N, C-alpha and C. Protein backbone atom coordinates (compact mmCIF):
# COMPACT_ATOMS: atom_id res chain seq x y z
N TRP A 1 -75.58 10.57 15.67
CA TRP A 1 -74.57 10.99 16.66
C TRP A 1 -75.07 11.98 17.54
N THR A 2 -74.63 11.86 18.87
CA THR A 2 -75.25 12.85 19.77
C THR A 2 -73.90 13.02 20.85
N ASN A 3 -74.16 13.85 21.75
CA ASN A 3 -73.14 13.82 22.93
C ASN A 3 -73.38 12.81 23.99
N ARG A 4 -72.99 12.96 24.96
CA ARG A 4 -73.12 11.98 26.17
C ARG A 4 -74.64 12.03 26.75
N LYS A 5 -75.39 13.10 26.38
CA LYS A 5 -76.89 13.18 26.80
C LYS A 5 -77.64 12.07 26.73
N LEU A 6 -77.48 11.46 25.42
CA LEU A 6 -78.13 10.01 25.15
C LEU A 6 -77.11 9.05 24.70
N PRO A 7 -77.32 8.03 25.34
CA PRO A 7 -76.23 6.96 25.19
C PRO A 7 -76.39 6.24 23.82
N LYS A 8 -75.45 5.64 23.36
CA LYS A 8 -75.46 4.84 22.08
C LYS A 8 -76.59 3.74 22.09
N GLU A 9 -77.54 3.52 21.16
CA GLU A 9 -78.55 2.62 21.04
C GLU A 9 -79.76 3.06 21.50
N THR A 10 -79.91 4.27 22.10
CA THR A 10 -81.01 4.91 22.70
C THR A 10 -82.17 5.15 21.56
N VAL A 11 -83.37 4.79 21.77
CA VAL A 11 -84.44 4.90 20.83
C VAL A 11 -85.07 6.27 21.19
N VAL A 12 -85.29 7.09 20.21
CA VAL A 12 -85.82 8.37 20.44
C VAL A 12 -87.13 8.48 19.57
N ASP A 13 -88.37 8.76 20.21
CA ASP A 13 -89.61 8.89 19.55
C ASP A 13 -89.37 10.33 18.88
N ASN A 14 -90.02 10.59 17.72
CA ASN A 14 -90.19 11.86 16.97
C ASN A 14 -91.23 12.58 17.85
N PRO A 15 -90.98 13.89 18.01
CA PRO A 15 -92.02 14.56 18.76
C PRO A 15 -93.17 14.98 17.86
N TYR A 16 -92.91 14.98 16.52
CA TYR A 16 -93.86 15.61 15.65
C TYR A 16 -94.74 14.29 14.92
N LEU A 17 -94.08 13.09 14.96
CA LEU A 17 -94.83 11.98 14.47
C LEU A 17 -94.65 10.80 15.64
N PRO A 18 -95.26 10.93 16.77
CA PRO A 18 -94.72 9.98 17.85
C PRO A 18 -95.40 8.60 17.32
N GLY A 19 -94.64 7.62 17.80
CA GLY A 19 -95.11 6.31 17.41
C GLY A 19 -94.98 5.81 16.07
N ILE A 20 -94.64 6.73 15.18
CA ILE A 20 -94.59 6.50 13.59
C ILE A 20 -93.28 6.67 13.32
N VAL A 21 -92.51 7.60 13.73
CA VAL A 21 -91.18 7.74 13.32
C VAL A 21 -90.48 7.75 14.53
N ARG A 22 -89.17 6.93 14.57
CA ARG A 22 -88.35 6.73 15.71
C ARG A 22 -86.79 6.72 15.12
N SER A 23 -85.84 7.33 16.11
CA SER A 23 -84.58 7.04 15.83
C SER A 23 -83.71 6.37 16.61
N ILE A 24 -82.57 5.85 16.21
CA ILE A 24 -81.63 5.11 17.12
C ILE A 24 -80.43 5.91 17.18
N VAL A 25 -79.86 6.26 18.34
CA VAL A 25 -78.70 6.94 18.63
C VAL A 25 -77.45 5.84 18.20
N VAL A 26 -76.94 6.13 17.09
CA VAL A 26 -75.85 5.07 16.68
C VAL A 26 -74.49 5.61 17.25
N ARG A 27 -74.16 6.78 17.28
CA ARG A 27 -72.92 7.38 17.95
C ARG A 27 -73.13 8.28 19.11
N SER A 28 -72.46 8.16 20.15
CA SER A 28 -72.39 9.15 21.16
C SER A 28 -70.90 9.67 21.71
N GLY A 29 -70.90 10.82 22.14
CA GLY A 29 -69.62 11.25 22.69
C GLY A 29 -68.83 11.85 21.70
N THR A 30 -67.62 12.16 22.08
CA THR A 30 -66.60 12.94 21.01
C THR A 30 -65.39 12.23 20.64
N ALA A 31 -65.34 11.05 20.96
CA ALA A 31 -64.16 9.95 20.75
C ALA A 31 -63.84 10.08 19.17
N ASP A 32 -64.71 10.13 18.10
CA ASP A 32 -64.63 9.94 16.91
C ASP A 32 -64.57 11.28 16.29
N LEU A 33 -64.67 12.30 16.80
CA LEU A 33 -64.96 13.80 16.01
C LEU A 33 -63.96 14.06 15.10
N LYS A 34 -64.20 14.68 14.04
CA LYS A 34 -63.46 14.87 12.88
C LYS A 34 -62.76 13.61 12.18
N THR A 35 -63.50 12.55 12.13
CA THR A 35 -62.86 11.47 11.57
C THR A 35 -64.11 10.69 10.79
N TRP A 36 -63.72 10.27 9.60
CA TRP A 36 -64.79 9.59 9.00
C TRP A 36 -64.91 8.27 9.50
N VAL A 37 -66.41 7.86 9.74
CA VAL A 37 -66.68 6.40 10.47
C VAL A 37 -67.59 5.73 9.55
N THR A 38 -67.44 4.53 9.51
CA THR A 38 -68.33 3.51 8.81
C THR A 38 -69.36 2.80 9.63
N GLU A 39 -70.49 2.81 9.33
CA GLU A 39 -71.58 1.98 10.10
C GLU A 39 -72.23 0.92 9.39
N ARG A 40 -72.49 -0.20 10.10
CA ARG A 40 -73.26 -1.24 9.56
C ARG A 40 -74.38 -1.44 10.36
N ARG A 41 -75.72 -1.43 9.76
CA ARG A 41 -76.73 -1.78 10.63
C ARG A 41 -77.61 -2.92 10.21
N ASN A 42 -78.29 -3.58 10.87
CA ASN A 42 -79.27 -4.64 10.46
C ASN A 42 -80.70 -3.87 10.68
N VAL A 43 -81.22 -3.33 9.57
CA VAL A 43 -82.52 -2.68 9.67
C VAL A 43 -83.69 -3.29 10.21
N SER A 44 -83.79 -4.67 10.12
CA SER A 44 -84.80 -5.38 10.71
C SER A 44 -84.73 -5.46 12.11
N SER A 45 -83.57 -5.65 12.77
CA SER A 45 -83.29 -5.54 14.01
C SER A 45 -83.46 -4.21 14.81
N ASP A 46 -83.17 -3.11 13.83
CA ASP A 46 -83.24 -1.70 14.30
C ASP A 46 -84.75 -1.51 14.57
N PHE A 47 -85.43 -2.09 13.55
CA PHE A 47 -87.01 -1.75 13.74
C PHE A 47 -87.49 -2.34 14.89
N GLN A 48 -87.10 -3.72 15.17
CA GLN A 48 -87.83 -4.42 16.34
C GLN A 48 -87.27 -3.56 17.66
N LYS A 49 -86.05 -3.27 17.77
CA LYS A 49 -85.58 -2.26 18.78
C LYS A 49 -86.49 -1.14 18.91
N ALA A 50 -86.71 -0.44 17.85
CA ALA A 50 -87.29 0.98 18.12
C ALA A 50 -89.07 0.74 18.31
N PHE A 51 -89.56 -0.29 17.55
CA PHE A 51 -91.08 -0.51 17.71
C PHE A 51 -91.52 -1.51 18.63
N GLY A 52 -90.52 -2.34 19.00
CA GLY A 52 -90.78 -3.52 19.94
C GLY A 52 -91.73 -4.58 19.25
N ARG A 53 -91.47 -4.77 18.05
CA ARG A 53 -92.24 -5.78 17.22
C ARG A 53 -91.45 -6.08 16.03
N PRO A 54 -91.45 -7.40 15.52
CA PRO A 54 -90.82 -7.53 14.39
C PRO A 54 -91.51 -6.79 13.28
N LEU A 55 -90.39 -6.69 12.24
CA LEU A 55 -90.88 -6.07 10.96
C LEU A 55 -91.68 -7.11 9.97
N ASN A 56 -93.16 -6.86 9.64
CA ASN A 56 -93.82 -7.50 8.88
C ASN A 56 -94.15 -7.28 7.74
N GLN A 57 -93.71 -5.94 7.35
CA GLN A 57 -94.05 -5.56 6.01
C GLN A 57 -92.90 -4.91 5.24
N SER A 58 -92.97 -4.53 4.23
CA SER A 58 -91.85 -3.79 3.28
C SER A 58 -91.51 -2.44 3.99
N ILE A 59 -90.29 -2.12 3.86
CA ILE A 59 -89.75 -0.72 4.48
C ILE A 59 -90.08 0.08 3.05
N HIS A 60 -90.58 1.36 3.34
CA HIS A 60 -90.77 2.26 2.27
C HIS A 60 -89.81 3.37 2.38
N ALA A 61 -89.04 3.48 3.47
CA ALA A 61 -87.97 4.58 3.45
C ALA A 61 -87.09 4.54 4.67
N VAL A 62 -85.77 4.82 4.46
CA VAL A 62 -84.90 4.70 5.47
C VAL A 62 -84.19 6.23 5.24
N ALA A 63 -84.20 6.79 6.54
CA ALA A 63 -83.38 8.07 6.62
C ALA A 63 -81.99 8.04 7.19
N ILE A 64 -81.02 8.58 6.75
CA ILE A 64 -79.73 8.78 7.45
C ILE A 64 -79.63 10.22 7.63
N PHE A 65 -79.71 10.68 9.09
CA PHE A 65 -79.61 12.19 9.16
C PHE A 65 -78.97 12.46 10.71
N THR A 66 -78.64 13.51 10.76
CA THR A 66 -78.32 14.19 11.98
C THR A 66 -79.32 15.18 12.67
N ASP A 67 -79.87 14.80 13.74
CA ASP A 67 -81.05 15.60 14.30
C ASP A 67 -80.71 16.11 15.87
N ASN A 68 -80.90 17.17 16.01
CA ASN A 68 -80.62 17.75 17.27
C ASN A 68 -81.75 18.36 17.85
N ASP A 69 -83.11 18.02 17.38
CA ASP A 69 -84.26 18.86 17.93
C ASP A 69 -84.49 18.28 19.30
N GLN A 70 -84.14 16.92 19.61
CA GLN A 70 -84.47 16.40 21.07
C GLN A 70 -83.48 16.72 22.01
N THR A 71 -82.17 17.26 21.50
CA THR A 71 -81.16 17.58 22.47
C THR A 71 -80.75 18.76 22.51
N SER A 72 -81.27 19.75 21.49
CA SER A 72 -81.05 21.16 21.53
C SER A 72 -79.32 21.46 21.64
N GLN A 73 -78.54 20.57 20.74
CA GLN A 73 -77.33 21.04 20.71
C GLN A 73 -76.90 21.36 19.38
N GLN A 74 -75.81 22.06 19.23
CA GLN A 74 -75.09 22.32 17.90
C GLN A 74 -74.81 20.99 17.12
N VAL A 75 -74.89 21.12 15.85
CA VAL A 75 -74.68 19.99 15.16
C VAL A 75 -74.01 20.19 13.87
N GLU A 76 -73.05 19.28 13.33
CA GLU A 76 -72.27 19.61 12.07
C GLU A 76 -72.21 18.17 11.75
N ALA A 77 -72.55 17.70 10.41
CA ALA A 77 -72.28 16.34 9.85
C ALA A 77 -71.87 16.44 8.39
N HIS A 78 -70.93 15.56 8.04
CA HIS A 78 -70.64 15.39 6.63
C HIS A 78 -71.10 13.86 6.18
N TYR A 79 -71.66 13.59 5.21
CA TYR A 79 -72.01 12.33 4.69
C TYR A 79 -71.16 12.03 3.43
N GLY A 80 -70.60 10.64 3.34
CA GLY A 80 -70.13 10.22 2.23
C GLY A 80 -71.21 9.20 1.51
N GLY A 81 -70.75 8.53 0.54
CA GLY A 81 -71.64 7.50 -0.25
C GLY A 81 -72.09 6.49 0.71
N GLY A 82 -73.21 5.93 0.26
CA GLY A 82 -73.91 4.86 1.20
C GLY A 82 -74.31 3.63 0.23
N ILE A 83 -74.39 2.54 0.82
CA ILE A 83 -74.75 1.42 0.20
C ILE A 83 -75.91 0.70 1.09
N MET A 84 -77.12 0.24 0.69
CA MET A 84 -77.86 -0.52 1.43
C MET A 84 -78.16 -1.85 0.68
N ILE A 85 -77.90 -3.00 1.49
CA ILE A 85 -78.06 -4.25 0.61
C ILE A 85 -79.15 -4.95 1.47
N CYS A 86 -80.24 -5.41 0.59
CA CYS A 86 -81.19 -6.12 1.17
C CYS A 86 -80.91 -7.40 1.13
N ARG A 87 -81.24 -8.20 2.23
CA ARG A 87 -81.03 -9.79 2.33
C ARG A 87 -82.27 -10.44 2.54
N ALA A 88 -82.43 -11.69 2.24
CA ALA A 88 -83.56 -12.57 2.42
C ALA A 88 -83.54 -12.74 3.86
N THR A 89 -84.92 -12.83 4.33
CA THR A 89 -85.27 -13.20 5.75
C THR A 89 -84.93 -14.49 6.16
N THR A 90 -84.96 -15.44 5.14
CA THR A 90 -84.86 -16.86 5.35
C THR A 90 -83.28 -17.15 5.32
N ASN A 91 -82.44 -16.44 4.54
CA ASN A 91 -81.01 -16.83 4.50
C ASN A 91 -80.26 -15.50 4.51
N GLU A 92 -79.81 -14.88 5.66
CA GLU A 92 -79.40 -13.49 5.56
C GLU A 92 -78.00 -13.49 5.03
N ARG A 93 -77.31 -14.47 4.38
CA ARG A 93 -76.15 -14.54 3.72
C ARG A 93 -76.26 -14.22 2.16
N GLU A 94 -77.58 -14.38 1.84
CA GLU A 94 -77.68 -14.24 0.21
C GLU A 94 -78.40 -12.90 0.00
N PRO A 95 -77.75 -11.90 -0.75
CA PRO A 95 -78.39 -10.66 -1.11
C PRO A 95 -79.52 -10.77 -2.04
N ILE A 96 -80.52 -10.01 -2.12
CA ILE A 96 -81.64 -10.13 -2.94
C ILE A 96 -81.45 -8.91 -3.85
N PHE A 97 -81.23 -9.12 -5.13
CA PHE A 97 -81.28 -7.99 -6.10
C PHE A 97 -82.33 -8.23 -7.17
N PRO A 98 -82.95 -7.20 -7.81
CA PRO A 98 -83.93 -7.30 -8.83
C PRO A 98 -83.21 -8.14 -9.90
N LYS A 99 -84.07 -9.03 -10.54
CA LYS A 99 -83.50 -9.82 -11.84
C LYS A 99 -83.62 -8.80 -12.99
N MET A 100 -82.68 -8.83 -13.54
CA MET A 100 -82.21 -8.05 -14.89
C MET A 100 -82.54 -8.88 -16.05
N ASN A 101 -83.46 -8.51 -16.85
CA ASN A 101 -83.82 -9.10 -18.20
C ASN A 101 -82.91 -8.75 -19.30
């Protein structure tokens, strides 16, 4: 979430790990301040948007954070519970969960 300096869906390259770590602005502006919001993202599509190529290997980490290093603005954020559902690349309607023995 950022102010209007960076529009929604802007890709921001990390200055400390350029080309390796990139962020996507998911919210921008003040319209939903002081309100709980829910986000739903397609990590594979986000990867392609951020790196310009399709995801061709496993993802080892996903970070959900509020970062103001690049905008030099004050920031305050509160996070509730989160769920990440992995889906098969061949049929995105079927979730993949580890088999339980």
